[in-house]
Amino acid sequence: MSKINIAVVGCGYWGPNLIRNFSQLTNVDRVFACDKDKNRLSKVRDHFPNINTTDNFENIINNTEIDAVAIATPVFLHHKLGKQVLESGKHLFIEKPLTSSVAEAKELLRLARENKKTLMVGHTFEYTPAVNKIKEIIDSGELGEIYYVDMSRLNLGLFQPDINVIWDLAPHDLSILMFVLGQRPTSVSAYGASHVIENIEDVAQVRIEFSNKLFALLHVSWLDPCKVRRATIVGSKKMLVYNDITPLEKIRIYDRGVESESSYDSFGEFHLSYRYGDIYIPMLSGIEPLKVECSHFVECILEGKTPNTDGQNGLNVVTILEATQESIKKNGIRVDLNWN
């Protein structure tokens, strides 16, 4: 097989972007679209006249010409639809977060393994030039020992009816954290509040602890007047600021830090020295991350490779999200993460 046929289920906010990218791939023959809303399907046909559309998901499942399905629906449908896709013998791409619970995620992993099908999660930031450059810089040791990471993902809306702000926004930063640091956290603690819709947190702060005193602070909000997508990584040698909102110069590396004098006889002689060095901005490619992600999914199917953001990757994120929700319900208590 040199080409595949793929269906995109869910043509609301994100689905059309998947359709556009899959349609542009040379190793994709035909693209199908599915949504219960016929008006959405009409708009899809306006932009992609050659696409096959249906408002019945069963038509996708029962179509033997379709090799893979991409799910871009609300989160509460991810497990139900994903399960049907895998049981029908089709490969599965599913938008973040993978599912609404650890139990559901584990079942999808089991089904993918048993049916020998590719399962990939849409953690798009792991395919961005900026995030890959950050991982390269950290792995090189240029920043030194990483002390802590501070991340903010803020905006006004979009409110979701079935998930809170953590399940909506935090998956991006959680996947970025584990990718660039190369490790999974040991525990989480979180606080959140519901201001607009009862029992759906619209602002939250999360502390994520790793080994060796390394920790990350994550602030997410649907109630901020400014759109913010920023991460600060503080190391013993240098510091890095990643601003995803900036069209250019997304990464800045600061040759700055603080050091204590190596020898002193008394507390009165104790001194700290501050280093203020140069700032430099790495060059990044302008390739669209979603195009890279979609291409990677198809290549993994055709070549039998494991995706970079496979089912286990998605399960890792859902495990942290579930623990974070538990911490919020218990007034910020630390919840240890069990990776068994």
Protein backbone atom coordinates (compact mmCIF):
# COMPACT_ATOMS: atom_id res chain seq x y z
CA MET A 1 0.00 0.00 0.00
CA SER A 2 1.49 3.33 -1.10
CA LYS A 3 -1.50 5.55 -0.31
CA ILE A 4 -4.33 5.60 2.20
CA ASN A 5 -7.86 6.94 2.43
CA ILE A 6 -8.66 8.85 5.61
CA ALA A 7 -11.81 10.24 7.22
CA VAL A 8 -12.03 13.26 9.52
CA VAL A 9 -14.87 13.07 12.04
CA GLY A 10 -15.88 16.44 13.46
CA CYS A 11 -15.85 19.49 11.19
CA GLY A 12 -16.18 22.28 13.74
CA TYR A 13 -13.23 24.33 14.99
CA TRP A 14 -10.26 22.03 14.26
CA GLY A 15 -11.55 19.43 11.81
CA PRO A 16 -11.26 21.62 8.68
CA ASN A 17 -7.55 22.17 9.44
CA LEU A 18 -7.03 18.40 9.47
CA ILE A 19 -8.97 18.04 6.23
CA ARG A 20 -6.85 20.71 4.56
CA ASN A 21 -3.57 19.11 5.58
CA PHE A 22 -4.53 15.53 4.81
CA SER A 23 -5.85 16.66 1.40
CA GLN A 24 -2.44 18.13 0.54
CA LEU A 25 -0.46 14.96 1.24
CA THR A 26 0.68 12.99 -1.79
CA ASN A 27 0.35 9.68 0.06
CA VAL A 28 -3.34 10.31 0.83
CA ASP A 29 -5.66 9.31 -2.00
CA ARG A 30 -9.11 10.31 -0.76
CA VAL A 31 -10.38 12.29 2.24
CA PHE A 32 -13.81 11.82 3.80
CA ALA A 33 -15.57 14.17 6.23
CA CYS A 34 -18.24 13.35 8.80
CA ASP A 35 -20.32 15.65 11.01
CA LYS A 36 -23.90 15.59 12.29
CA ASP A 37 -24.27 19.27 11.35
CA LYS A 38 -25.15 19.43 7.66
CA ASN A 39 -24.33 23.15 7.54
CA ARG A 40 -20.77 22.36 8.56
CA LEU A 41 -20.54 19.71 5.86
CA SER A 42 -21.80 22.23 3.31
CA LYS A 43 -19.02 24.65 4.28
CA VAL A 44 -16.47 21.85 4.00
CA ARG A 45 -17.65 21.05 0.48
CA ASP A 46 -17.40 24.74 -0.44
CA HIS A 47 -13.72 24.71 0.46
CA PHE A 48 -12.97 21.15 -0.68
CA PRO A 49 -15.30 20.32 -3.61
CA ASN A 50 -13.85 16.85 -4.17
CA ILE A 51 -14.30 15.63 -0.61
CA ASN A 52 -16.72 12.84 0.32
CA THR A 53 -19.11 13.83 3.15
CA THR A 54 -21.63 12.09 5.40
CA ASP A 55 -23.61 12.97 8.50
CA ASN A 56 -23.66 9.34 9.69
CA PHE A 57 -20.64 7.99 11.58
CA GLU A 58 -21.68 4.42 10.78
CA ASN A 59 -21.02 5.16 7.11
CA ILE A 60 -17.40 5.85 8.03
CA ILE A 61 -17.06 2.72 10.17
CA ASN A 62 -18.62 0.45 7.57
CA ASN A 63 -16.73 1.84 4.59
CA THR A 64 -13.99 -0.68 3.82
CA GLU A 65 -12.22 1.82 1.55
CA ILE A 66 -11.32 4.00 4.55
CA ASP A 67 -8.01 3.00 6.14
CA ALA A 68 -7.78 5.56 8.96
CA VAL A 69 -9.96 7.96 10.92
CA ALA A 70 -9.08 11.27 12.61
CA ILE A 71 -11.35 12.22 15.51
CA ALA A 72 -11.82 15.97 16.12
CA THR A 73 -14.99 15.92 18.22
CA PRO A 74 -15.71 17.07 21.79
CA VAL A 75 -13.67 15.09 24.32
CA PHE A 76 -16.58 13.11 25.76
CA LEU A 77 -16.93 11.36 22.38
CA HIS A 78 -13.26 10.45 21.95
CA HIS A 79 -13.41 7.07 23.67
CA LYS A 80 -16.75 5.97 22.22
CA LEU A 81 -15.87 6.86 18.63
CA GLY A 82 -12.22 5.83 18.93
CA LYS A 83 -13.22 2.41 20.21
CA GLN A 84 -15.48 1.84 17.21
CA VAL A 85 -12.74 2.93 14.83
CA LEU A 86 -10.18 0.50 16.24
CA GLU A 87 -12.68 -2.37 16.46
CA SER A 88 -13.51 -1.83 12.77
CA GLY A 89 -9.84 -2.40 11.90
CA LYS A 90 -8.94 1.17 11.03
CA HIS A 91 -6.01 3.27 12.21
CA LEU A 92 -6.83 6.09 14.63
CA PHE A 93 -5.69 9.69 15.03
CA ILE A 94 -7.38 11.45 17.93
CA GLU A 95 -7.16 15.07 19.04
CA LYS A 96 -5.98 16.02 22.52
CA PRO A 97 -6.73 14.98 25.15
CA LEU A 98 -6.86 11.32 24.18
CA THR A 99 -9.87 10.54 26.39
CA SER A 100 -11.76 11.78 29.44
CA SER A 101 -10.19 9.26 31.82
CA VAL A 102 -7.21 6.97 32.34
CA ALA A 103 -9.43 3.88 32.13
CA GLU A 104 -10.75 4.95 28.72
CA ALA A 105 -7.25 5.74 27.45
CA LYS A 106 -5.93 2.35 28.53
CA GLU A 107 -8.75 0.61 26.69
CA LEU A 108 -7.91 2.41 23.45
CA LEU A 109 -4.25 1.44 23.84
CA ARG A 110 -5.27 -2.17 24.37
CA LEU A 111 -7.54 -2.18 21.31
CA ALA A 112 -4.86 -0.61 19.12
CA ARG A 113 -2.36 -3.24 20.25
CA GLU A 114 -4.76 -6.16 19.80
CA ASN A 115 -5.87 -5.00 16.35
CA LYS A 116 -2.31 -4.03 15.36
CA LYS A 117 -3.38 -0.53 14.37
CA THR A 118 -1.65 2.82 14.67
CA LEU A 119 -2.93 5.04 17.49
CA MET A 120 -1.68 8.63 17.49
CA VAL A 121 -2.65 11.65 19.60
CA GLY A 122 -2.74 15.24 18.33
CA HIS A 123 -0.14 16.82 20.60
CA THR A 124 0.74 19.28 17.85
CA PHE A 125 3.33 21.29 19.76
CA GLU A 126 5.72 18.34 19.76
CA TYR A 127 5.94 18.86 15.99
CA THR A 128 6.73 22.58 16.10
CA PRO A 129 10.21 23.85 15.18
CA ALA A 130 10.30 25.96 18.37
CA VAL A 131 9.59 23.11 20.81
CA ASN A 132 12.02 20.80 19.03
CA LYS A 133 14.68 23.51 19.21
CA ILE A 134 14.03 23.90 22.96
CA LYS A 135 14.52 20.17 23.46
CA GLU A 136 17.74 20.32 21.45
CA ILE A 137 19.02 23.21 23.60
CA ILE A 138 18.15 21.47 26.88
CA ASP A 139 19.65 18.15 25.76
CA SER A 140 22.87 19.92 24.76
CA GLY A 141 23.34 21.13 28.33
CA GLU A 142 23.52 24.77 27.26
CA LEU A 143 21.07 25.85 29.97
CA GLY A 144 22.80 23.74 32.62
CA GLU A 145 20.77 22.03 35.31
CA ILE A 146 17.10 22.95 34.90
CA TYR A 147 15.79 24.54 38.10
CA TYR A 148 12.18 25.16 37.20
CA VAL A 149 9.74 25.94 34.37
CA ASP A 150 7.02 28.60 34.43
CA MET A 151 4.24 28.30 31.82
CA SER A 152 1.16 30.43 31.08
CA ARG A 153 -1.60 29.65 28.60
CA LEU A 154 -4.27 32.32 28.91
CA ASN A 155 -7.05 33.80 26.79
CA LEU A 156 -10.68 34.96 26.89
CA GLY A 157 -12.63 31.77 26.06
CA LEU A 158 -13.32 29.51 24.33
CA PHE A 159 -15.49 27.95 27.04
CA GLN A 160 -16.11 24.22 26.59
CA PRO A 161 -19.37 22.58 27.71
CA ASP A 162 -17.91 19.20 28.65
CA ILE A 163 -14.42 19.91 30.06
CA ASN A 164 -12.75 22.54 32.22
CA VAL A 165 -9.86 24.83 31.37
CA ILE A 166 -7.26 22.30 32.52
CA TRP A 167 -8.47 19.55 30.21
CA ASP A 168 -8.78 22.09 27.38
CA LEU A 169 -5.50 24.03 27.60
CA ALA A 170 -3.10 22.12 29.84
CA PRO A 171 -2.58 19.10 27.52
CA HIS A 172 -0.44 21.31 25.29
CA ASP A 173 1.93 22.32 28.08
CA LEU A 174 2.01 18.90 29.70
CA SER A 175 3.07 17.27 26.45
CA ILE A 176 5.66 20.01 25.86
CA LEU A 177 7.06 19.61 29.38
CA MET A 178 7.53 15.85 29.18
CA PHE A 179 8.93 16.11 25.66
CA VAL A 180 11.59 18.77 26.31
CA LEU A 181 12.55 17.50 29.77
CA GLY A 182 12.59 13.85 28.74
CA GLN A 183 10.86 12.67 31.90
CA ARG A 184 7.49 12.20 33.54
CA PRO A 185 6.50 14.07 36.72
CA THR A 186 6.21 12.44 40.14
CA SER A 187 3.29 14.42 41.58
CA VAL A 188 0.90 17.32 40.99
CA SER A 189 -1.07 19.78 43.09
CA ALA A 190 -3.61 22.25 41.76
CA TYR A 191 -6.13 24.95 42.57
CA GLY A 192 -9.00 26.01 40.34
CA ALA A 193 -12.20 28.03 40.42
CA SER A 194 -15.46 28.21 38.47
CA HIS A 195 -16.66 31.75 37.83
CA VAL A 196 -18.89 31.54 34.77
CA ILE A 197 -20.25 27.99 34.51
CA GLU A 198 -20.89 26.07 37.71
CA ASN A 199 -18.51 23.16 38.34
CA ILE A 200 -16.42 23.89 35.24
CA GLU A 201 -13.15 25.51 36.31
CA ASP A 202 -12.23 28.45 34.08
CA VAL A 203 -8.94 29.36 35.78
CA ALA A 204 -6.38 27.12 37.47
CA GLN A 205 -2.82 26.95 38.72
CA VAL A 206 -0.89 23.68 38.77
CA ARG A 207 2.40 22.71 40.38
CA ILE A 208 4.05 19.76 38.66
CA GLU A 209 6.95 18.09 40.47
CA PHE A 210 9.71 16.07 38.82
CA SER A 211 12.75 14.35 40.29
CA ASN A 212 15.84 16.21 41.61
CA LYS A 213 13.85 19.24 42.91
CA LEU A 214 12.80 20.18 39.37
CA PHE A 215 9.25 21.54 39.17
CA ALA A 216 6.97 23.40 36.78
CA LEU A 217 4.27 26.00 37.45
CA LEU A 218 1.37 26.08 35.03
CA HIS A 219 -1.27 28.83 34.82
CA VAL A 220 -4.28 28.30 32.54
CA SER A 221 -7.30 30.55 32.11
CA TRP A 222 -10.32 31.25 29.93
CA LEU A 223 -10.79 34.57 31.74
CA ASP A 224 -7.79 36.65 30.75
CA PRO A 225 -8.08 39.76 28.55
CA CYS A 226 -4.78 38.98 26.82
CA LYS A 227 -3.84 35.89 24.89
CA VAL A 228 -0.64 34.52 26.42
CA ARG A 229 1.39 31.50 25.34
CA ARG A 230 4.67 31.75 27.23
CA ALA A 231 7.15 29.43 28.92
CA THR A 232 10.25 30.39 30.91
CA ILE A 233 12.87 27.72 31.53
CA VAL A 234 15.42 28.62 34.19
CA GLY A 235 18.73 26.76 34.22
CA SER A 236 21.91 27.00 36.25
CA LYS A 237 23.81 28.42 33.25
CA LYS A 238 21.27 30.20 31.08
CA MET A 239 17.56 30.97 30.85
CA LEU A 240 15.17 30.50 27.94
CA VAL A 241 11.89 32.25 27.15
CA TYR A 242 9.49 30.74 24.62
CA ASN A 243 6.72 33.05 23.39
CA ASP A 244 4.49 31.24 20.92
CA ILE A 245 2.38 34.35 20.21
CA THR A 246 5.30 36.13 18.58
CA PRO A 247 5.37 35.40 14.82
CA LEU A 248 9.15 35.78 14.78
CA GLU A 249 11.77 35.37 17.48
CA LYS A 250 9.76 32.79 19.42
CA ILE A 251 12.78 31.72 21.47
CA ARG A 252 15.18 33.98 23.35
CA ILE A 253 18.12 32.62 25.31
CA TYR A 254 19.46 34.81 28.11
CA ASP A 255 23.03 34.36 29.30
CA ARG A 256 22.01 35.41 32.78
CA GLY A 257 22.18 33.81 36.20
CA VAL A 258 23.14 34.06 39.83
CA GLU A 259 26.06 32.39 41.60
CA SER A 260 27.39 32.30 45.16
CA GLU A 261 31.06 32.92 45.85
CA SER A 262 32.94 29.66 46.21
CA SER A 263 34.55 30.48 49.57
CA TYR A 264 33.73 32.69 52.53
CA ASP A 265 34.52 32.60 56.25
CA SER A 266 31.33 33.97 57.74
CA PHE A 267 27.74 34.84 56.87
CA GLY A 268 28.74 38.47 56.72
CA GLU A 269 31.16 37.68 53.92
CA PHE A 270 28.58 35.72 51.91
CA HIS A 271 28.02 37.26 48.48
CA LEU A 272 26.05 36.48 45.38
CA SER A 273 27.25 37.46 41.93
CA TYR A 274 24.81 38.18 39.11
CA ARG A 275 25.67 37.56 35.51
CA TYR A 276 24.14 39.72 32.77
CA GLY A 277 25.30 38.43 29.42
CA ASP A 278 24.08 38.44 25.84
CA ILE A 279 20.66 37.52 24.49
CA TYR A 280 20.44 35.51 21.31
CA ILE A 281 17.57 34.26 19.15
CA PRO A 282 17.84 30.87 17.38
CA MET A 283 16.73 30.59 13.77
CA LEU A 284 13.58 28.47 13.28
CA SER A 285 11.99 27.00 10.15
CA GLY A 286 8.56 28.19 9.08
CA ILE A 287 6.96 24.81 8.37
CA GLU A 288 3.38 24.30 9.59
CA PRO A 289 3.40 21.90 12.58
CA LEU A 290 0.01 20.40 11.74
CA LYS A 291 1.28 19.47 8.29
CA VAL A 292 4.25 17.69 9.88
CA GLU A 293 1.93 15.95 12.34
CA CYS A 294 -0.53 14.74 9.67
CA SER A 295 2.30 13.58 7.42
CA HIS A 296 3.88 11.70 10.33
CA PHE A 297 0.60 9.85 11.03
CA VAL A 298 0.29 8.67 7.45
CA GLU A 299 3.96 7.65 7.28
CA CYS A 300 3.61 5.62 10.46
CA ILE A 301 0.68 3.72 8.92
CA LEU A 302 2.44 3.07 5.63
CA GLU A 303 5.79 2.16 7.19
CA GLY A 304 4.60 0.43 10.35
CA LYS A 305 6.36 2.90 12.66
CA THR A 306 5.37 4.01 16.17
CA PRO A 307 4.22 7.66 16.23
CA ASN A 308 6.20 10.17 18.28
CA THR A 309 2.93 11.05 20.03
CA ASP A 310 1.56 7.53 20.32
CA GLY A 311 -1.15 6.19 22.60
CA GLN A 312 1.22 5.97 25.58
CA ASN A 313 2.08 9.63 25.07
CA GLY A 314 -1.62 10.46 25.22
CA LEU A 315 -2.13 8.23 28.28
CA ASN A 316 0.70 10.04 30.11
CA VAL A 317 -1.05 13.39 29.63
CA VAL A 318 -4.46 12.03 30.68
CA THR A 319 -2.89 10.51 33.80
CA ILE A 320 -1.63 13.94 34.87
CA LEU A 321 -4.93 15.62 33.99
CA GLU A 322 -6.90 13.13 36.08
CA ALA A 323 -4.55 13.59 39.05
CA THR A 324 -4.80 17.38 38.67
CA GLN A 325 -8.59 17.19 38.79
CA GLU A 326 -8.37 15.07 41.93
CA SER A 327 -6.10 17.65 43.56
CA ILE A 328 -8.52 20.48 42.78
CA LYS A 329 -11.42 18.56 44.33
CA LYS A 330 -9.31 17.99 47.45
CA ASN A 331 -8.33 21.67 47.85
CA GLY A 332 -4.86 21.47 46.36
CA ILE A 333 -3.56 18.34 48.06
CA ARG A 334 -0.49 16.79 46.42
CA VAL A 335 -1.38 13.74 44.35
CA ASP A 336 1.39 11.25 43.59
CA LEU A 337 1.46 9.89 40.05
CA ASN A 338 1.44 6.13 39.61
CA TRP A 339 3.09 5.17 36.33
CA ASN A 340 2.55 1.41 36.66
